[in-house]
Every structure is written in structure tokens, then in C-alpha cells.
Amino acid sequence: MCPGSGPVRNCSFTSTTICVRLSRPRRERLAKHYGIPGVHGERFRRVSLPPASVRRGLLGQGSILTGTSRANRTSPVIRGKWILENIFGTPPPSPPPNVPELKEERNAAKILPMREQMAEHRANPVCASCHAQMDELGFALENFDAIGEWRDVDAAGSPIDASAKLPDGTKFTGPAELRSVLLKHSDDFLTTLTEKLLTYALGRGLEAADAPAIRQIKREAARANYRFASLIQGIVSSVPFQMRMARDRVN
């Protein structure tokens, strides 16, 4: 997803995806799952997607779409929360106690559209402010089912409504328009990615004293068009990382 020679911001908005090496039956199922024709052979390959493909970027990847779903249904809340945490870098607060889970209806004839199911939580003033952001981001991905396969109708046979509106009035529909919204916040994504990479490199949570290092890493990466390699180089050259290495040598 992040070729070393390309800008790291393309990780979220890239026009390519990667088909992994699998046995033939699994490879063909995976290619069909992603709607990619003509995948043959036993090697890794980068597959170019058309500009209008719904699979562009991280939000078209089955691993993320499945990981942000429930076992047997989608979850606009979890998907929206993932975007807030990993793209915007603004994770929502923990939910208040004693908030009931959505009722899992087994009878397909009685399953309400997801938007109607979520209205129960949005009607609670305590929950509404967070759900107004999370749910709307997640609704835009409702065409992807619980395992990330594209669909036009839900489990009850109702047409998918992937329209959304953020609290600031921004309107969008579906994953393509969602990507356009997120692209306007690409600097937030770069900051969030830098923070997460530095956290991993340091083996600890970040502190206020790390903020200058994060800004410096981003400034240096900007000179190299935000290539992934430039972020890594900036991290290993940063004061927090160098001081960590010095402490390890002393201990």
C-alpha cells in the first residue's frame, strides 16, 4: 500500500492494491471478492485499479472493513471510530455506561435498515454528539458488508443508503466521496501516522515533550514529498528515538 517512492498520504487514497500470494482457489476467490479480473500466477503483484474503483485506498481493503464490523453485520460506529482514530487522530471518548447494544435480529424480514437501527443511539442526547460524527463516516461505507464485499442491498433487501452529513454541514455519499472528504484532511492523517510510528519505535506512549520532534519529522518528510522512507528516517534521527537508544546502551 505504501510504495517507498510514493507519497505516504497515498496510503489512504492510492489507486493500487496488493493481491497476496495464495493457492489458486483462494487467489481466485480473493480476486473475485475485490472485483479484479485477470489475476493469475503464484507471485505477489501490485494491481492497478481504475480511478472509479470502490477499492481505492485503505478504506477499500477487506482486512479493515472486516475488522471494523461485527461478526454478522456491519457497524457504522466501529468504522467511523476507526476513521476518527486513524485518519483524523481524534478518537472519540469512551461510551457512557449502561448503553445497550443493538438488538441482533435473526429474522431477515424484521431487520431494520442500519440507519434506523442507529437512530436509537442518536436519539440519546448523551450519545448524540459522538454518534453524529462516527455514524455518518460509517454510513458512507455501508455498501461494504461485514467481510468487505460490495453490495447494493442490505440483509433485509432494502437499498443501501450511503449518504452522510458531518456536523459542519459537509455532505457526501459512498466511499469515493468519503475519500475526497478525507483527502482534505491529509495533514491530519500524516500527523496521526507519524505519531503512531513514533509510538511504536519508542515502545511507549507519546508525551507533550515529543511534539517538537513530531513537527520536525513532518518538516523533513515534506522535503521528500512525504515518502514513507523519509518518515522512518526522520523517526530514527529524532531526539526521542536517539535518547531511547542511548538509555538502552547505558542499561
C-alpha atoms as a PDB file:
ATOM      1  CA  MET A   1       0.000   0.000   0.000  1.00  0.00           C
ATOM      2  CA  CYS A   2       2.920   2.411   0.662  1.00  0.00           C
ATOM      3  CA  PRO A   3       5.484   2.134  -2.131  1.00  0.00           C
ATOM      4  CA  GLY A   4       8.804   3.541  -0.952  1.00  0.00           C
ATOM      5  CA  SER A   5       8.982   6.007  -3.846  1.00  0.00           C
ATOM      6  CA  GLY A   6       5.473   7.409  -3.438  1.00  0.00           C
ATOM      7  CA  PRO A   7       3.910   9.914  -1.016  1.00  0.00           C
ATOM      8  CA  VAL A   8       2.751   8.257   2.180  1.00  0.00           C
ATOM      9  CA  ARG A   9      -0.545  10.150   2.074  1.00  0.00           C
ATOM     10  CA  ASN A  10      -1.436   7.889  -0.865  1.00  0.00           C
ATOM     11  CA  CYS A  11      -1.765   5.042   1.651  1.00  0.00           C
ATOM     12  CA  SER A  12      -5.311   6.249   2.237  1.00  0.00           C
ATOM     13  CA  PHE A  13      -6.122   7.417  -1.267  1.00  0.00           C
ATOM     14  CA  THR A  14      -3.944   5.277  -3.589  1.00  0.00           C
ATOM     15  CA  SER A  15      -5.225   3.822  -6.858  1.00  0.00           C
ATOM     16  CA  THR A  16      -3.444   0.486  -6.310  1.00  0.00           C
ATOM     17  CA  THR A  17      -3.989  -2.544  -4.150  1.00  0.00           C
ATOM     18  CA  ILE A  18      -1.923  -5.646  -3.435  1.00  0.00           C
ATOM     19  CA  CYS A  19      -3.021  -9.223  -4.186  1.00  0.00           C
ATOM     20  CA  VAL A  20      -1.135 -11.600  -1.900  1.00  0.00           C
ATOM     21  CA  ARG A  21       0.280 -14.942  -2.898  1.00  0.00           C
ATOM     22  CA  LEU A  22      -2.284 -17.681  -2.242  1.00  0.00           C
ATOM     23  CA  SER A  23      -3.130 -21.107  -3.548  1.00  0.00           C
ATOM     24  CA  ARG A  24      -5.099 -20.919  -6.786  1.00  0.00           C
ATOM     25  CA  PRO A  25      -8.656 -21.407  -5.408  1.00  0.00           C
ATOM     26  CA  ARG A  26      -8.118 -18.833  -2.664  1.00  0.00           C
ATOM     27  CA  ARG A  27      -6.414 -16.413  -5.039  1.00  0.00           C
ATOM     28  CA  GLU A  28      -9.322 -16.567  -7.443  1.00  0.00           C
ATOM     29  CA  ARG A  29     -11.855 -16.065  -4.631  1.00  0.00           C
ATOM     30  CA  LEU A  30      -9.916 -13.066  -3.334  1.00  0.00           C
ATOM     31  CA  ALA A  31      -9.676 -11.519  -6.807  1.00  0.00           C
ATOM     32  CA  LYS A  32     -13.426 -12.033  -7.275  1.00  0.00           C
ATOM     33  CA  HIS A  33     -14.063 -10.531  -3.827  1.00  0.00           C
ATOM     34  CA  TYR A  34     -12.209  -7.377  -4.887  1.00  0.00           C
ATOM     35  CA  GLY A  35     -13.663  -7.387  -8.400  1.00  0.00           C
ATOM     36  CA  ILE A  36     -10.224  -7.716 -10.020  1.00  0.00           C
ATOM     37  CA  PRO A  37     -10.146  -9.712 -13.285  1.00  0.00           C
ATOM     38  CA  GLY A  38      -7.179 -11.498 -14.815  1.00  0.00           C
ATOM     39  CA  VAL A  39      -5.153 -12.334 -11.686  1.00  0.00           C
ATOM     40  CA  HIS A  40      -3.013 -15.380 -12.472  1.00  0.00           C
ATOM     41  CA  GLY A  41       0.212 -16.906 -11.191  1.00  0.00           C
ATOM     42  CA  GLU A  42       1.647 -17.601  -7.761  1.00  0.00           C
ATOM     43  CA  ARG A  43       3.577 -14.410  -7.058  1.00  0.00           C
ATOM     44  CA  PHE A  44       2.870 -11.147  -5.274  1.00  0.00           C
ATOM     45  CA  ARG A  45       1.809  -8.379  -7.583  1.00  0.00           C
ATOM     46  CA  ARG A  46       0.569  -4.797  -7.491  1.00  0.00           C
ATOM     47  CA  VAL A  47      -2.744  -4.462  -9.304  1.00  0.00           C
ATOM     48  CA  SER A  48      -3.723  -1.109 -10.770  1.00  0.00           C
ATOM     49  CA  LEU A  49      -7.315  -0.101 -10.160  1.00  0.00           C
ATOM     50  CA  PRO A  50      -9.392   2.237 -12.325  1.00  0.00           C
ATOM     51  CA  PRO A  51      -9.958   5.756 -10.952  1.00  0.00           C
ATOM     52  CA  ALA A  52     -13.604   4.992 -10.177  1.00  0.00           C
ATOM     53  CA  SER A  53     -12.867   1.765  -8.282  1.00  0.00           C
ATOM     54  CA  VAL A  54     -14.511   1.469  -4.863  1.00  0.00           C
ATOM     55  CA  ARG A  55     -11.390  -0.409  -3.675  1.00  0.00           C
ATOM     56  CA  ARG A  56      -9.001   2.536  -3.749  1.00  0.00           C
ATOM     57  CA  GLY A  57      -7.094   3.219  -0.555  1.00  0.00           C
ATOM     58  CA  LEU A  58      -7.164   1.704   2.897  1.00  0.00           C
ATOM     59  CA  LEU A  59     -10.927   2.019   3.246  1.00  0.00           C
ATOM     60  CA  GLY A  60     -11.446  -0.404   0.356  1.00  0.00           C
ATOM     61  CA  GLN A  61      -9.372  -3.151   1.975  1.00  0.00           C
ATOM     62  CA  GLY A  62     -11.238  -6.215   3.206  1.00  0.00           C
ATOM     63  CA  SER A  63      -8.988  -6.539   6.267  1.00  0.00           C
ATOM     64  CA  ILE A  64     -10.012  -3.129   7.599  1.00  0.00           C
ATOM     65  CA  LEU A  65     -13.661  -3.453   6.601  1.00  0.00           C
ATOM     66  CA  THR A  66     -13.905  -6.868   8.272  1.00  0.00           C
ATOM     67  CA  GLY A  67     -12.004  -5.747  11.363  1.00  0.00           C
ATOM     68  CA  THR A  68     -14.413  -2.846  11.828  1.00  0.00           C
ATOM     69  CA  SER A  69     -17.563  -4.983  11.592  1.00  0.00           C
ATOM     70  CA  ARG A  70     -19.469  -7.229  13.960  1.00  0.00           C
ATOM     71  CA  ALA A  71     -19.422 -10.972  13.397  1.00  0.00           C
ATOM     72  CA  ASN A  72     -22.598 -10.990  11.331  1.00  0.00           C
ATOM     73  CA  ARG A  73     -23.255  -7.374  10.373  1.00  0.00           C
ATOM     74  CA  THR A  74     -21.606  -4.074   9.596  1.00  0.00           C
ATOM     75  CA  SER A  75     -21.009  -1.439  12.262  1.00  0.00           C
ATOM     76  CA  PRO A  76     -21.040   2.213  11.177  1.00  0.00           C
ATOM     77  CA  VAL A  77     -19.970   3.076  14.730  1.00  0.00           C
ATOM     78  CA  ILE A  78     -16.805   0.959  14.672  1.00  0.00           C
ATOM     79  CA  ARG A  79     -15.924   2.022  11.136  1.00  0.00           C
ATOM     80  CA  GLY A  80     -16.479   5.683  11.939  1.00  0.00           C
ATOM     81  CA  LYS A  81     -14.458   5.356  15.133  1.00  0.00           C
ATOM     82  CA  TRP A  82     -11.584   3.777  13.162  1.00  0.00           C
ATOM     83  CA  ILE A  83     -11.530   6.755  10.782  1.00  0.00           C
ATOM     84  CA  LEU A  84     -11.574   9.269  13.641  1.00  0.00           C
ATOM     85  CA  GLU A  85      -8.718   7.463  15.394  1.00  0.00           C
ATOM     86  CA  ASN A  86      -6.512   6.574  12.433  1.00  0.00           C
ATOM     87  CA  ILE A  87      -7.161   9.318   9.879  1.00  0.00           C
ATOM     88  CA  PHE A  88      -8.178  12.380  11.887  1.00  0.00           C
ATOM     89  CA  GLY A  89      -6.267  11.445  15.041  1.00  0.00           C
ATOM     90  CA  THR A  90      -9.248  12.437  17.203  1.00  0.00           C
ATOM     91  CA  PRO A  91     -10.559   9.296  18.928  1.00  0.00           C
ATOM     92  CA  PRO A  92     -13.992   9.748  20.487  1.00  0.00           C
ATOM     93  CA  PRO A  93     -14.432   9.411  24.255  1.00  0.00           C
ATOM     94  CA  SER A  94     -15.490   6.111  25.772  1.00  0.00           C
ATOM     95  CA  PRO A  95     -19.247   5.489  25.641  1.00  0.00           C
ATOM     96  CA  PRO A  96     -21.256   6.176  28.793  1.00  0.00           C
ATOM     97  CA  PRO A  97     -22.019   3.149  30.991  1.00  0.00           C
ATOM     98  CA  ASN A  98     -25.127   1.026  30.562  1.00  0.00           C
ATOM     99  CA  VAL A  99     -25.646   1.843  26.879  1.00  0.00           C
ATOM    100  CA  PRO A 100     -27.394  -1.224  25.411  1.00  0.00           C
ATOM    101  CA  GLU A 101     -26.040  -2.957  22.310  1.00  0.00           C
ATOM    102  CA  LEU A 102     -28.159  -3.036  19.180  1.00  0.00           C
ATOM    103  CA  LYS A 103     -30.552  -5.968  19.228  1.00  0.00           C
ATOM    104  CA  GLU A 104     -29.341  -8.758  16.947  1.00  0.00           C
ATOM    105  CA  GLU A 105     -32.411  -9.672  14.896  1.00  0.00           C
ATOM    106  CA  ARG A 106     -32.168 -13.128  13.306  1.00  0.00           C
ATOM    107  CA  ASN A 107     -35.348 -12.869  11.238  1.00  0.00           C
ATOM    108  CA  ALA A 108     -34.385 -11.157   7.968  1.00  0.00           C
ATOM    109  CA  ALA A 109     -37.949  -9.942   7.499  1.00  0.00           C
ATOM    110  CA  LYS A 110     -37.719  -7.959  10.752  1.00  0.00           C
ATOM    111  CA  ILE A 111     -34.254  -6.452  10.246  1.00  0.00           C
ATOM    112  CA  LEU A 112     -34.437  -2.675  10.033  1.00  0.00           C
ATOM    113  CA  PRO A 113     -32.087  -0.695   7.784  1.00  0.00           C
ATOM    114  CA  MET A 114     -28.880   0.153   9.655  1.00  0.00           C
ATOM    115  CA  ARG A 115     -29.697   3.856   9.645  1.00  0.00           C
ATOM    116  CA  GLU A 116     -32.947   3.167  11.507  1.00  0.00           C
ATOM    117  CA  GLN A 117     -31.204   0.875  13.971  1.00  0.00           C
ATOM    118  CA  MET A 118     -28.633   3.560  14.776  1.00  0.00           C
ATOM    119  CA  ALA A 119     -31.356   6.157  15.358  1.00  0.00           C
ATOM    120  CA  GLU A 120     -31.902   4.625  18.816  1.00  0.00           C
ATOM    121  CA  HIS A 121     -28.436   5.674  19.979  1.00  0.00           C
ATOM    122  CA  ARG A 122     -28.539   9.019  18.194  1.00  0.00           C
ATOM    123  CA  ALA A 123     -31.789   9.867  19.982  1.00  0.00           C
ATOM    124  CA  ASN A 124     -29.955   9.778  23.335  1.00  0.00           C
ATOM    125  CA  PRO A 125     -28.548  13.295  23.968  1.00  0.00           C
ATOM    126  CA  VAL A 126     -25.605  11.813  25.877  1.00  0.00           C
ATOM    127  CA  CYS A 127     -24.622   9.729  22.836  1.00  0.00           C
ATOM    128  CA  ALA A 128     -25.701  12.035  20.023  1.00  0.00           C
ATOM    129  CA  SER A 129     -22.636  14.290  19.771  1.00  0.00           C
ATOM    130  CA  CYS A 130     -20.169  11.443  19.181  1.00  0.00           C
ATOM    131  CA  HIS A 131     -22.521   9.379  17.033  1.00  0.00           C
ATOM    132  CA  ALA A 132     -23.182  12.385  14.790  1.00  0.00           C
ATOM    133  CA  GLN A 133     -19.581  12.034  13.593  1.00  0.00           C
ATOM    134  CA  MET A 134     -18.917   8.304  13.872  1.00  0.00           C
ATOM    135  CA  ASP A 135     -22.158   7.082  12.368  1.00  0.00           C
ATOM    136  CA  GLU A 136     -22.041   9.401   9.364  1.00  0.00           C
ATOM    137  CA  LEU A 137     -18.499   8.359   8.439  1.00  0.00           C
ATOM    138  CA  GLY A 138     -19.542   4.724   8.799  1.00  0.00           C
ATOM    139  CA  PHE A 139     -22.743   5.133   6.779  1.00  0.00           C
ATOM    140  CA  ALA A 140     -20.640   6.093   3.749  1.00  0.00           C
ATOM    141  CA  LEU A 141     -19.110   2.592   3.860  1.00  0.00           C
ATOM    142  CA  GLU A 142     -22.396   0.688   4.166  1.00  0.00           C
ATOM    143  CA  ASN A 143     -22.098  -0.669   0.628  1.00  0.00           C
ATOM    144  CA  PHE A 144     -19.350  -2.909   2.034  1.00  0.00           C
ATOM    145  CA  ASP A 145     -20.800  -5.812   4.016  1.00  0.00           C
ATOM    146  CA  ALA A 146     -19.326  -7.386   7.159  1.00  0.00           C
ATOM    147  CA  ILE A 147     -16.477  -9.017   5.204  1.00  0.00           C
ATOM    148  CA  GLY A 148     -15.898  -6.069   2.893  1.00  0.00           C
ATOM    149  CA  GLU A 149     -17.765  -7.385  -0.140  1.00  0.00           C
ATOM    150  CA  TRP A 150     -19.659  -4.831  -2.221  1.00  0.00           C
ATOM    151  CA  ARG A 151     -23.464  -4.909  -2.008  1.00  0.00           C
ATOM    152  CA  ASP A 152     -26.334  -2.756  -3.214  1.00  0.00           C
ATOM    153  CA  VAL A 153     -28.973  -4.034  -0.760  1.00  0.00           C
ATOM    154  CA  ASP A 154     -28.797  -4.906   2.933  1.00  0.00           C
ATOM    155  CA  ALA A 155     -29.708  -8.174   4.693  1.00  0.00           C
ATOM    156  CA  ALA A 156     -33.403  -7.270   4.588  1.00  0.00           C
ATOM    157  CA  GLY A 157     -33.291  -6.496   0.854  1.00  0.00           C
ATOM    158  CA  SER A 158     -33.534  -2.724   1.321  1.00  0.00           C
ATOM    159  CA  PRO A 159     -31.389  -0.491  -0.930  1.00  0.00           C
ATOM    160  CA  ILE A 160     -28.233   0.739   0.791  1.00  0.00           C
ATOM    161  CA  ASP A 161     -28.331   4.407   1.791  1.00  0.00           C
ATOM    162  CA  ALA A 162     -24.678   5.518   1.890  1.00  0.00           C
ATOM    163  CA  SER A 163     -25.387   9.243   2.138  1.00  0.00           C
ATOM    164  CA  ALA A 164     -23.853  11.132   5.043  1.00  0.00           C
ATOM    165  CA  LYS A 165     -23.566  14.604   6.538  1.00  0.00           C
ATOM    166  CA  LEU A 166     -20.945  15.785   9.015  1.00  0.00           C
ATOM    167  CA  PRO A 167     -21.714  18.259  11.821  1.00  0.00           C
ATOM    168  CA  ASP A 168     -20.050  21.051   9.780  1.00  0.00           C
ATOM    169  CA  GLY A 169     -22.607  20.510   7.009  1.00  0.00           C
ATOM    170  CA  THR A 170     -20.339  18.589   4.614  1.00  0.00           C
ATOM    171  CA  LYS A 171     -22.425  16.135   2.571  1.00  0.00           C
ATOM    172  CA  PHE A 172     -21.101  13.074   0.761  1.00  0.00           C
ATOM    173  CA  THR A 173     -22.261   9.665  -0.442  1.00  0.00           C
ATOM    174  CA  GLY A 174     -20.334   6.401  -0.631  1.00  0.00           C
ATOM    175  CA  PRO A 175     -16.642   5.569  -0.292  1.00  0.00           C
ATOM    176  CA  ALA A 176     -15.447   7.635  -3.277  1.00  0.00           C
ATOM    177  CA  GLU A 177     -16.869  10.889  -1.922  1.00  0.00           C
ATOM    178  CA  LEU A 178     -15.726   9.947   1.591  1.00  0.00           C
ATOM    179  CA  ARG A 179     -12.164   9.661   0.258  1.00  0.00           C
ATOM    180  CA  SER A 180     -12.473  13.158  -1.200  1.00  0.00           C
ATOM    181  CA  VAL A 181     -13.515  14.460   2.219  1.00  0.00           C
ATOM    182  CA  LEU A 182     -10.618  12.689   3.923  1.00  0.00           C
ATOM    183  CA  LEU A 183      -8.156  13.979   1.322  1.00  0.00           C
ATOM    184  CA  LYS A 184      -8.874  17.499   2.567  1.00  0.00           C
ATOM    185  CA  HIS A 185      -7.619  16.324   5.965  1.00  0.00           C
ATOM    186  CA  SER A 186      -4.476  14.618   4.685  1.00  0.00           C
ATOM    187  CA  ASP A 187      -2.287  16.669   7.039  1.00  0.00           C
ATOM    188  CA  ASP A 188      -4.223  15.218   9.987  1.00  0.00           C
ATOM    189  CA  PHE A 189      -3.530  11.753   8.591  1.00  0.00           C
ATOM    190  CA  LEU A 190       0.189  12.495   8.241  1.00  0.00           C
ATOM    191  CA  THR A 191       0.352  13.713  11.838  1.00  0.00           C
ATOM    192  CA  THR A 192      -1.551  10.677  13.101  1.00  0.00           C
ATOM    193  CA  LEU A 193       0.624   8.266  11.127  1.00  0.00           C
ATOM    194  CA  THR A 194       3.805   9.943  12.384  1.00  0.00           C
ATOM    195  CA  GLU A 195       2.584   9.739  15.976  1.00  0.00           C
ATOM    196  CA  LYS A 196       1.704   6.061  15.657  1.00  0.00           C
ATOM    197  CA  LEU A 197       5.030   5.182  14.020  1.00  0.00           C
ATOM    198  CA  LEU A 198       6.955   7.088  16.694  1.00  0.00           C
ATOM    199  CA  THR A 199       4.935   5.404  19.449  1.00  0.00           C
ATOM    200  CA  TYR A 200       5.845   2.009  18.018  1.00  0.00           C
ATOM    201  CA  ALA A 201       9.507   2.963  17.625  1.00  0.00           C
ATOM    202  CA  LEU A 202       9.773   4.265  21.190  1.00  0.00           C
ATOM    203  CA  GLY A 203       7.804   1.438  22.769  1.00  0.00           C
ATOM    204  CA  ARG A 204       5.825   3.909  24.871  1.00  0.00           C
ATOM    205  CA  GLY A 205       3.033   6.425  24.645  1.00  0.00           C
ATOM    206  CA  LEU A 206       3.819   9.916  23.425  1.00  0.00           C
ATOM    207  CA  GLU A 207       4.178  12.876  25.755  1.00  0.00           C
ATOM    208  CA  ALA A 208       3.830  16.627  25.309  1.00  0.00           C
ATOM    209  CA  ALA A 209       7.623  16.870  25.127  1.00  0.00           C
ATOM    210  CA  ASP A 210       7.553  14.756  21.940  1.00  0.00           C
ATOM    211  CA  ALA A 211       5.518  17.332  19.991  1.00  0.00           C
ATOM    212  CA  PRO A 212       8.557  19.269  18.642  1.00  0.00           C
ATOM    213  CA  ALA A 213      10.065  16.020  17.361  1.00  0.00           C
ATOM    214  CA  ILE A 214       6.839  15.147  15.539  1.00  0.00           C
ATOM    215  CA  ARG A 215       6.781  18.553  13.856  1.00  0.00           C
ATOM    216  CA  GLN A 216      10.438  18.163  12.869  1.00  0.00           C
ATOM    217  CA  ILE A 217       9.838  14.688  11.410  1.00  0.00           C
ATOM    218  CA  LYS A 218       6.977  16.054   9.300  1.00  0.00           C
ATOM    219  CA  ARG A 219       9.011  19.047   8.106  1.00  0.00           C
ATOM    220  CA  GLU A 220      11.843  16.796   6.962  1.00  0.00           C
ATOM    221  CA  ALA A 221       9.424  14.359   5.314  1.00  0.00           C
ATOM    222  CA  ALA A 222       7.779  17.241   3.430  1.00  0.00           C
ATOM    223  CA  ARG A 223      11.074  17.943   1.651  1.00  0.00           C
ATOM    224  CA  ALA A 224      10.970  14.370   0.305  1.00  0.00           C
ATOM    225  CA  ASN A 225       7.286  14.582  -0.702  1.00  0.00           C
ATOM    226  CA  TYR A 226       6.285  12.586   2.380  1.00  0.00           C
ATOM    227  CA  ARG A 227       7.760   9.310   1.201  1.00  0.00           C
ATOM    228  CA  PHE A 228       7.378   6.529   3.761  1.00  0.00           C
ATOM    229  CA  ALA A 229      11.158   6.079   3.889  1.00  0.00           C
ATOM    230  CA  SER A 230      11.572   9.751   4.805  1.00  0.00           C
ATOM    231  CA  LEU A 231       9.247   9.335   7.785  1.00  0.00           C
ATOM    232  CA  ILE A 232      11.222   6.333   9.008  1.00  0.00           C
ATOM    233  CA  GLN A 233      14.497   8.210   8.568  1.00  0.00           C
ATOM    234  CA  GLY A 234      13.092  11.178  10.478  1.00  0.00           C
ATOM    235  CA  ILE A 235      11.980   8.939  13.336  1.00  0.00           C
ATOM    236  CA  VAL A 236      15.307   7.145  13.785  1.00  0.00           C
ATOM    237  CA  SER A 237      17.087  10.517  13.641  1.00  0.00           C
ATOM    238  CA  SER A 238      14.746  12.178  16.147  1.00  0.00           C
ATOM    239  CA  VAL A 239      15.836  13.181  19.651  1.00  0.00           C
ATOM    240  CA  PRO A 240      13.312  10.913  21.455  1.00  0.00           C
ATOM    241  CA  PHE A 241      14.486   7.860  19.487  1.00  0.00           C
ATOM    242  CA  GLN A 242      18.183   8.698  19.845  1.00  0.00           C
ATOM    243  CA  MET A 243      17.785   9.265  23.593  1.00  0.00           C
ATOM    244  CA  ARG A 244      15.956   5.952  23.899  1.00  0.00           C
ATOM    245  CA  MET A 245      18.818   4.175  22.159  1.00  0.00           C
ATOM    246  CA  ALA A 246      21.314   5.914  24.457  1.00  0.00           C
ATOM    247  CA  ARG A 247      19.399   4.791  27.559  1.00  0.00           C
ATOM    248  CA  ASP A 248      19.281   1.219  26.238  1.00  0.00           C
ATOM    249  CA  ARG A 249      23.055   1.194  25.794  1.00  0.00           C
ATOM    250  CA  VAL A 250      23.595   2.531  29.324  1.00  0.00           C
ATOM    251  CA  ASN A 251      21.265  -0.058  30.845  1.00  0.00           C
END
